[in-house]
C-alpha atoms as a PDB file:
ATOM      1  CA  UNK A   1     -33.892  -5.339 -68.694  1.00  0.00           C
ATOM      2  CA  UNK A   2     -30.602  -4.581 -67.024  1.00  0.00           C
ATOM      3  CA  UNK A   3     -27.590  -5.962 -67.930  1.00  0.00           C
ATOM      4  CA  UNK A   4     -25.499  -6.347 -65.292  1.00  0.00           C
ATOM      5  CA  UNK A   5     -21.048  -7.728 -66.622  1.00  0.00           C
ATOM      6  CA  UNK A   6     -20.140  -8.607 -62.993  1.00  0.00           C
ATOM      7  CA  UNK A   7     -21.649 -11.234 -60.984  1.00  0.00           C
ATOM      8  CA  UNK A   8     -21.200 -10.414 -57.209  1.00  0.00           C
ATOM      9  CA  UNK A   9     -20.510 -13.914 -55.972  1.00  0.00           C
ATOM     10  CA  UNK A  10     -17.173 -13.762 -58.221  1.00  0.00           C
ATOM     11  CA  UNK A  11     -15.963 -10.928 -55.890  1.00  0.00           C
ATOM     12  CA  UNK A  12     -13.786 -10.596 -53.196  1.00  0.00           C
ATOM     13  CA  UNK A  13     -13.733  -8.770 -50.354  1.00  0.00           C
ATOM     14  CA  UNK A  14     -10.605  -8.060 -48.016  1.00  0.00           C
ATOM     15  CA  UNK A  15     -11.285  -9.773 -44.822  1.00  0.00           C
ATOM     16  CA  UNK A  16      -9.716  -7.074 -43.002  1.00  0.00           C
ATOM     17  CA  UNK A  17     -11.260  -3.525 -44.549  1.00  0.00           C
ATOM     18  CA  UNK A  18     -14.728  -5.220 -46.070  1.00  0.00           C
ATOM     19  CA  UNK A  19     -14.134  -3.772 -48.953  1.00  0.00           C
ATOM     20  CA  UNK A  20     -14.032  -5.330 -52.644  1.00  0.00           C
ATOM     21  CA  UNK A  21     -10.496  -6.480 -54.342  1.00  0.00           C
ATOM     22  CA  UNK A  22     -10.045  -5.178 -57.528  1.00  0.00           C
ATOM     23  CA  UNK A  23      -8.706  -8.678 -59.268  1.00  0.00           C
ATOM     24  CA  UNK A  24      -7.273  -6.897 -62.002  1.00  0.00           C
ATOM     25  CA  UNK A  25      -4.564  -4.658 -59.884  1.00  0.00           C
ATOM     26  CA  UNK A  26      -3.877  -7.478 -57.351  1.00  0.00           C
ATOM     27  CA  UNK A  27      -2.527  -9.252 -59.685  1.00  0.00           C
ATOM     28  CA  UNK A  28      -0.813  -6.306 -61.599  1.00  0.00           C
ATOM     29  CA  UNK A  29       1.336  -5.741 -57.773  1.00  0.00           C
ATOM     30  CA  UNK A  30       1.848  -9.428 -57.632  1.00  0.00           C
ATOM     31  CA  UNK A  31       3.372  -9.288 -61.011  1.00  0.00           C
ATOM     32  CA  UNK A  32       5.473  -6.214 -60.749  1.00  0.00           C
ATOM     33  CA  UNK A  33       6.675  -7.737 -57.010  1.00  0.00           C
ATOM     34  CA  UNK A  34       8.245 -10.838 -58.652  1.00  0.00           C
ATOM     35  CA  UNK A  35       9.658  -8.538 -60.941  1.00  0.00           C
ATOM     36  CA  UNK A  36      11.074  -6.140 -59.390  1.00  0.00           C
ATOM     37  CA  UNK A  37      12.566  -9.189 -56.895  1.00  0.00           C
ATOM     38  CA  UNK A  38      14.025 -11.268 -59.147  1.00  0.00           C
ATOM     39  CA  UNK A  39      11.137 -13.898 -58.991  1.00  0.00           C
ATOM     40  CA  UNK A  40      10.322 -16.842 -61.664  1.00  0.00           C
ATOM     41  CA  UNK A  41       6.731 -16.799 -63.065  1.00  0.00           C
ATOM     42  CA  UNK A  42       7.110 -20.315 -63.823  1.00  0.00           C
ATOM     43  CA  UNK A  43       9.241 -23.551 -62.409  1.00  0.00           C
ATOM     44  CA  UNK A  44       9.647 -25.321 -59.253  1.00  0.00           C
ATOM     45  CA  UNK A  45      10.103 -21.522 -57.623  1.00  0.00           C
ATOM     46  CA  UNK A  46       7.982 -19.563 -59.556  1.00  0.00           C
ATOM     47  CA  UNK A  47       5.027 -17.058 -58.914  1.00  0.00           C
ATOM     48  CA  UNK A  48       2.476 -19.414 -59.985  1.00  0.00           C
ATOM     49  CA  UNK A  49       3.978 -22.459 -58.361  1.00  0.00           C
ATOM     50  CA  UNK A  50       4.735 -20.676 -54.482  1.00  0.00           C
ATOM     51  CA  UNK A  51       0.198 -19.357 -55.203  1.00  0.00           C
ATOM     52  CA  UNK A  52      -0.902 -22.992 -55.930  1.00  0.00           C
ATOM     53  CA  UNK A  53       1.171 -24.389 -53.092  1.00  0.00           C
ATOM     54  CA  UNK A  54      -0.283 -22.097 -50.995  1.00  0.00           C
ATOM     55  CA  UNK A  55      -3.463 -22.749 -52.511  1.00  0.00           C
ATOM     56  CA  UNK A  56      -3.467 -26.655 -52.185  1.00  0.00           C
ATOM     57  CA  UNK A  57      -1.942 -25.972 -49.142  1.00  0.00           C
ATOM     58  CA  UNK A  58      -3.983 -24.107 -47.358  1.00  0.00           C
ATOM     59  CA  UNK A  59      -2.987 -23.733 -42.694  1.00  0.00           C
ATOM     60  CA  UNK A  60      -4.476 -26.116 -40.662  1.00  0.00           C
END
């Protein structure tokens, strides 16, 4: 029996290129960019707050 460790339903696909997005790499790049720009990770203007706001309030 074959054991698959990844579920294809959980993969993120880039809508432009159609390529599978490496979620860990994406998160690491976001954290590095926030650090370079002096953006806090938490708090009212923090990265996590902004990500949640964008996720909760999609463009209509």
